């Protein structure tokens, strides 16, 4: 087993609405979908964003697109008009998400 950054096998798009951020994670190759499904759970995402995402995280699996949509509640310090955080928008969450470390077998990549 080895540890890699998620961005080595996936890319993402992100956005926000109020205090909710959503990040869509897409496998770079079809065979990476199962790795992401196994490694990128709501619990692991919550640990990755420890202290930032205060609410629930819901993962929606979209196998027909080779991806997942993560909806993170109470993730932006109240949202753009309420937060004192430097970057209150969900756009930067996608970049931070891609820096999540995951474990894969040598034969999986």
N, C-alpha and C. Protein backbone atom coordinates (compact mmCIF):
# COMPACT_ATOMS: atom_id res chain seq x y z
N UNK A 1 0.85 -1.19 0.00
CA UNK A 1 0.00 0.00 0.00
C UNK A 1 0.88 1.24 0.00
N UNK A 2 0.38 2.28 -0.65
CA UNK A 2 1.07 3.56 -0.62
C UNK A 2 0.03 4.66 -0.48
N UNK A 3 0.51 5.82 -0.09
CA UNK A 3 -0.38 6.96 0.11
C UNK A 3 -0.13 7.97 -1.01
N UNK A 4 -1.24 8.45 -1.60
CA UNK A 4 -1.15 9.45 -2.67
C UNK A 4 -2.18 10.55 -2.39
N UNK A 5 -2.04 11.65 -3.10
CA UNK A 5 -3.06 12.69 -3.06
C UNK A 5 -4.19 12.32 -4.01
N UNK A 6 -5.41 12.64 -3.62
CA UNK A 6 -6.58 12.33 -4.44
C UNK A 6 -6.44 12.87 -5.86
N UNK A 7 -5.80 14.03 -6.02
CA UNK A 7 -5.71 14.63 -7.35
C UNK A 7 -4.92 13.80 -8.35
N UNK A 8 -4.21 12.78 -7.88
CA UNK A 8 -3.49 11.91 -8.80
C UNK A 8 -4.43 10.97 -9.56
N UNK A 9 -5.61 10.71 -9.00
CA UNK A 9 -6.55 9.81 -9.67
C UNK A 9 -7.90 10.46 -9.93
N UNK A 10 -8.06 11.72 -9.54
CA UNK A 10 -9.36 12.39 -9.68
C UNK A 10 -9.18 13.88 -9.96
N UNK A 11 -10.24 14.47 -10.47
CA UNK A 11 -10.31 15.92 -10.58
C UNK A 11 -11.66 16.34 -10.04
N UNK A 12 -11.83 17.61 -9.77
CA UNK A 12 -13.08 18.03 -9.14
C UNK A 12 -13.57 19.39 -9.59
N UNK A 13 -14.81 19.64 -9.26
CA UNK A 13 -15.47 20.93 -9.46
C UNK A 13 -16.18 21.26 -8.16
N UNK A 14 -16.20 22.52 -7.82
CA UNK A 14 -16.81 22.87 -6.54
C UNK A 14 -17.61 24.16 -6.65
N UNK A 15 -18.48 24.34 -5.68
CA UNK A 15 -19.31 25.53 -5.63
C UNK A 15 -19.86 25.72 -4.23
N UNK A 16 -20.71 26.74 -4.09
CA UNK A 16 -21.26 27.03 -2.78
C UNK A 16 -22.63 27.67 -2.92
N UNK A 17 -23.37 27.57 -1.86
CA UNK A 17 -24.65 28.25 -1.70
C UNK A 17 -24.80 28.52 -0.22
N UNK A 18 -24.69 29.77 0.16
CA UNK A 18 -24.75 30.11 1.58
C UNK A 18 -23.59 29.48 2.32
N UNK A 19 -23.91 28.70 3.34
CA UNK A 19 -22.90 28.05 4.18
C UNK A 19 -22.68 26.59 3.77
N UNK A 20 -23.14 26.22 2.59
CA UNK A 20 -23.00 24.85 2.10
C UNK A 20 -22.05 24.83 0.92
N UNK A 21 -21.11 23.91 0.96
CA UNK A 21 -20.17 23.72 -0.14
C UNK A 21 -20.44 22.36 -0.77
N UNK A 22 -20.31 22.30 -2.08
CA UNK A 22 -20.39 20.99 -2.71
C UNK A 22 -19.18 20.81 -3.62
N UNK A 23 -18.65 19.60 -3.61
CA UNK A 23 -17.52 19.24 -4.44
C UNK A 23 -17.86 17.97 -5.18
N UNK A 24 -17.73 18.02 -6.50
CA UNK A 24 -17.91 16.84 -7.34
C UNK A 24 -16.52 16.29 -7.64
N UNK A 25 -16.34 15.01 -7.39
CA UNK A 25 -15.05 14.34 -7.60
C UNK A 25 -15.25 13.33 -8.72
N UNK A 26 -14.43 13.44 -9.77
CA UNK A 26 -14.55 12.57 -10.93
C UNK A 26 -13.27 11.76 -11.10
N UNK A 27 -13.42 10.45 -11.29
CA UNK A 27 -12.27 9.57 -11.52
C UNK A 27 -11.62 9.92 -12.86
N UNK A 28 -10.30 9.99 -12.87
CA UNK A 28 -9.57 10.28 -14.12
C UNK A 28 -9.63 9.10 -15.10
N UNK A 29 -9.78 7.89 -14.57
CA UNK A 29 -9.93 6.68 -15.39
C UNK A 29 -11.04 5.85 -14.76
N UNK A 30 -11.79 5.08 -15.56
CA UNK A 30 -12.89 4.28 -15.00
C UNK A 30 -12.45 3.36 -13.86
N UNK A 31 -11.25 2.82 -13.94
CA UNK A 31 -10.80 1.89 -12.90
C UNK A 31 -10.51 2.58 -11.57
N UNK A 32 -10.41 3.89 -11.56
CA UNK A 32 -10.18 4.63 -10.32
C UNK A 32 -11.47 4.87 -9.52
N UNK A 33 -12.61 4.66 -10.16
CA UNK A 33 -13.89 4.90 -9.49
C UNK A 33 -14.00 4.07 -8.20
N UNK A 34 -13.66 2.80 -8.27
CA UNK A 34 -13.78 1.91 -7.10
C UNK A 34 -12.84 2.34 -5.97
N UNK A 35 -11.68 2.86 -6.33
CA UNK A 35 -10.74 3.34 -5.30
C UNK A 35 -11.34 4.53 -4.58
N UNK A 36 -11.88 5.46 -5.33
CA UNK A 36 -12.50 6.65 -4.74
C UNK A 36 -13.69 6.24 -3.88
N UNK A 37 -14.50 5.34 -4.38
CA UNK A 37 -15.66 4.86 -3.63
C UNK A 37 -15.24 4.27 -2.28
N UNK A 38 -14.15 3.54 -2.28
CA UNK A 38 -13.65 2.89 -1.05
C UNK A 38 -12.97 3.89 -0.11
N UNK A 39 -12.18 4.78 -0.64
CA UNK A 39 -11.31 5.64 0.17
C UNK A 39 -11.91 6.98 0.57
N UNK A 40 -12.79 7.52 -0.26
CA UNK A 40 -13.28 8.88 -0.01
C UNK A 40 -14.71 8.81 0.53
N UNK A 41 -14.79 8.47 1.79
CA UNK A 41 -16.08 8.35 2.48
C UNK A 41 -16.41 9.67 3.18
N UNK A 42 -17.67 9.90 3.49
CA UNK A 42 -18.01 11.12 4.24
C UNK A 42 -17.22 11.26 5.54
N UNK A 43 -16.97 10.16 6.21
CA UNK A 43 -16.22 10.20 7.46
C UNK A 43 -14.77 10.65 7.24
N UNK A 44 -14.16 10.14 6.19
CA UNK A 44 -12.78 10.53 5.89
C UNK A 44 -12.70 11.97 5.40
N UNK A 45 -13.70 12.40 4.67
CA UNK A 45 -13.74 13.80 4.22
C UNK A 45 -13.88 14.72 5.43
N UNK A 46 -14.74 14.33 6.37
CA UNK A 46 -14.94 15.13 7.59
C UNK A 46 -13.62 15.24 8.36
N UNK A 47 -12.86 14.16 8.45
CA UNK A 47 -11.57 14.19 9.13
C UNK A 47 -10.58 15.07 8.37
N UNK A 48 -10.63 15.03 7.04
CA UNK A 48 -9.74 15.85 6.22
C UNK A 48 -10.01 17.35 6.44
N UNK A 49 -11.26 17.70 6.59
CA UNK A 49 -11.66 19.10 6.80
C UNK A 49 -11.93 19.40 8.28
N UNK A 50 -11.25 18.67 9.16
CA UNK A 50 -11.46 18.84 10.60
C UNK A 50 -11.40 20.31 11.01
N UNK A 51 -12.41 20.73 11.73
CA UNK A 51 -12.48 22.10 12.20
C UNK A 51 -13.07 23.08 11.21
N UNK A 52 -13.14 22.71 9.94
CA UNK A 52 -13.70 23.60 8.92
C UNK A 52 -15.16 23.27 8.62
N UNK A 53 -15.43 21.99 8.38
CA UNK A 53 -16.79 21.56 8.07
C UNK A 53 -17.45 21.16 9.37
N UNK A 54 -18.42 21.93 9.79
CA UNK A 54 -19.04 21.72 11.10
C UNK A 54 -20.33 20.88 11.03
N UNK A 55 -20.88 20.74 9.83
CA UNK A 55 -22.13 20.00 9.67
C UNK A 55 -21.93 18.65 9.01
N UNK A 56 -23.04 18.08 8.57
CA UNK A 56 -23.03 16.78 7.94
C UNK A 56 -22.42 16.84 6.54
N UNK A 57 -21.87 15.71 6.13
CA UNK A 57 -21.38 15.55 4.76
C UNK A 57 -22.14 14.38 4.15
N UNK A 58 -22.75 14.63 3.01
CA UNK A 58 -23.49 13.59 2.29
C UNK A 58 -22.79 13.33 0.97
N UNK A 59 -22.58 12.05 0.66
CA UNK A 59 -21.99 11.66 -0.62
C UNK A 59 -23.06 11.07 -1.51
N UNK A 60 -23.15 11.60 -2.72
CA UNK A 60 -24.05 11.06 -3.73
C UNK A 60 -23.19 10.38 -4.80
N UNK A 61 -23.38 9.09 -4.98
CA UNK A 61 -22.63 8.33 -5.97
C UNK A 61 -23.29 8.49 -7.33
N UNK A 62 -22.48 8.77 -8.35
CA UNK A 62 -22.99 8.93 -9.71
C UNK A 62 -22.12 8.08 -10.64
N UNK A 63 -22.31 6.75 -10.58
CA UNK A 63 -21.45 5.86 -11.36
C UNK A 63 -21.53 6.09 -12.87
N UNK A 64 -22.66 6.54 -13.38
CA UNK A 64 -22.77 6.77 -14.82
C UNK A 64 -21.85 7.89 -15.30
N UNK A 65 -21.43 8.77 -14.39
CA UNK A 65 -20.48 9.84 -14.73
C UNK A 65 -19.10 9.59 -14.16
N UNK A 66 -18.94 8.47 -13.46
CA UNK A 66 -17.66 8.15 -12.86
C UNK A 66 -17.28 9.09 -11.73
N UNK A 67 -18.30 9.53 -11.00
CA UNK A 67 -18.01 10.51 -9.96
C UNK A 67 -18.90 10.44 -8.73
N UNK A 68 -18.65 11.40 -7.86
CA UNK A 68 -19.35 11.52 -6.59
C UNK A 68 -19.58 13.00 -6.32
N UNK A 69 -20.70 13.31 -5.72
CA UNK A 69 -20.98 14.69 -5.31
C UNK A 69 -21.04 14.71 -3.78
N UNK A 70 -20.20 15.52 -3.18
CA UNK A 70 -20.16 15.67 -1.73
C UNK A 70 -20.78 17.01 -1.37
N UNK A 71 -21.80 16.96 -0.53
CA UNK A 71 -22.46 18.17 -0.04
C UNK A 71 -22.08 18.33 1.43
N UNK A 72 -21.44 19.46 1.73
CA UNK A 72 -20.91 19.70 3.07
C UNK A 72 -21.63 20.89 3.70
N UNK A 73 -22.38 20.62 4.74
CA UNK A 73 -23.16 21.64 5.44
C UNK A 73 -22.30 22.38 6.47
N UNK A 74 -22.62 23.63 6.68
CA UNK A 74 -21.90 24.47 7.66
C UNK A 74 -20.39 24.37 7.41
N UNK A 75 -20.03 24.63 6.15
CA UNK A 75 -18.65 24.44 5.73
C UNK A 75 -17.91 25.73 5.41
N UNK A 76 -18.62 26.86 5.39
CA UNK A 76 -18.01 28.09 4.91
C UNK A 76 -18.06 29.23 5.92
N UNK A 77 -18.07 28.88 7.18
CA UNK A 77 -18.05 29.90 8.22
C UNK A 77 -19.24 30.84 8.19
N UNK A 78 -20.37 30.34 7.72
CA UNK A 78 -21.58 31.16 7.64
C UNK A 78 -21.91 31.64 6.25
N UNK A 79 -20.95 31.52 5.32
CA UNK A 79 -21.16 31.97 3.95
C UNK A 79 -20.50 33.31 3.70
N UNK A 80 -20.49 33.73 2.46
CA UNK A 80 -19.74 34.91 2.02
C UNK A 80 -20.08 36.18 2.79
N UNK A 81 -21.33 36.38 3.14
CA UNK A 81 -21.71 37.64 3.80
C UNK A 81 -21.62 37.58 5.32
N UNK A 82 -21.34 36.41 5.88
CA UNK A 82 -21.32 36.26 7.33
C UNK A 82 -19.98 35.86 7.91
N UNK A 83 -19.11 35.34 7.11
CA UNK A 83 -17.87 34.74 7.62
C UNK A 83 -16.74 35.74 7.75
N UNK A 84 -15.87 35.50 8.71
CA UNK A 84 -14.64 36.26 8.86
C UNK A 84 -13.46 35.53 8.23
N UNK A 85 -13.72 34.36 7.64
CA UNK A 85 -12.65 33.60 6.99
C UNK A 85 -12.14 34.35 5.77
N UNK A 86 -10.88 34.18 5.45
CA UNK A 86 -10.28 34.85 4.30
C UNK A 86 -10.97 34.46 3.00
N UNK A 87 -11.22 33.17 2.81
CA UNK A 87 -11.89 32.71 1.60
C UNK A 87 -13.17 32.00 2.03
N UNK A 88 -14.29 32.65 1.78
CA UNK A 88 -15.58 32.12 2.25
C UNK A 88 -16.32 31.36 1.17
N UNK A 89 -15.74 31.23 0.00
CA UNK A 89 -16.44 30.59 -1.11
C UNK A 89 -16.05 29.13 -1.25
N UNK A 90 -16.97 28.35 -1.78
CA UNK A 90 -16.74 26.92 -1.96
C UNK A 90 -15.76 26.58 -3.05
N UNK A 91 -15.38 27.54 -3.88
CA UNK A 91 -14.45 27.25 -4.98
C UNK A 91 -13.11 26.72 -4.47
N UNK A 92 -12.62 27.26 -3.39
CA UNK A 92 -11.34 26.79 -2.87
C UNK A 92 -11.45 25.44 -2.19
N UNK A 93 -12.67 25.04 -1.82
CA UNK A 93 -12.85 23.74 -1.17
C UNK A 93 -12.47 22.60 -2.11
N UNK A 94 -12.71 22.77 -3.41
CA UNK A 94 -12.36 21.73 -4.37
C UNK A 94 -10.86 21.48 -4.39
N UNK A 95 -10.08 22.54 -4.36
CA UNK A 95 -8.63 22.42 -4.35
C UNK A 95 -8.16 21.74 -3.06
N UNK A 96 -8.73 22.15 -1.94
CA UNK A 96 -8.37 21.54 -0.66
C UNK A 96 -8.78 20.07 -0.63
N UNK A 97 -9.91 19.75 -1.24
CA UNK A 97 -10.41 18.37 -1.30
C UNK A 97 -9.40 17.49 -2.04
N UNK A 98 -8.84 18.01 -3.14
CA UNK A 98 -7.92 17.22 -3.96
C UNK A 98 -6.60 16.94 -3.24
N UNK A 99 -6.33 17.65 -2.15
CA UNK A 99 -5.12 17.39 -1.36
C UNK A 99 -5.35 16.34 -0.28
N UNK A 100 -6.53 15.72 -0.29
CA UNK A 100 -6.81 14.63 0.65
C UNK A 100 -5.90 13.45 0.31
N UNK A 101 -5.32 12.83 1.31
CA UNK A 101 -4.47 11.66 1.08
C UNK A 101 -5.31 10.40 1.16
N UNK A 102 -5.05 9.47 0.24
CA UNK A 102 -5.75 8.19 0.23
C UNK A 102 -4.73 7.08 0.09
N UNK A 103 -5.12 5.87 0.45
CA UNK A 103 -4.24 4.70 0.35
C UNK A 103 -4.67 3.85 -0.82
N UNK A 104 -3.67 3.41 -1.59
CA UNK A 104 -3.95 2.51 -2.72
C UNK A 104 -2.88 1.43 -2.76
N UNK A 105 -3.25 0.33 -3.38
CA UNK A 105 -2.29 -0.75 -3.59
C UNK A 105 -1.38 -0.42 -4.76
N UNK A 106 -0.17 -0.93 -4.74
CA UNK A 106 0.79 -0.68 -5.83
C UNK A 106 0.22 -1.06 -7.19
N UNK A 107 -0.60 -2.07 -7.23
CA UNK A 107 -1.16 -2.56 -8.49
C UNK A 107 -2.35 -1.75 -8.97
N UNK A 108 -2.86 -0.84 -8.16
CA UNK A 108 -4.04 -0.08 -8.53
C UNK A 108 -3.75 1.15 -9.39
N UNK A 109 -2.51 1.54 -9.47
CA UNK A 109 -2.20 2.75 -10.25
C UNK A 109 -1.23 2.45 -11.37
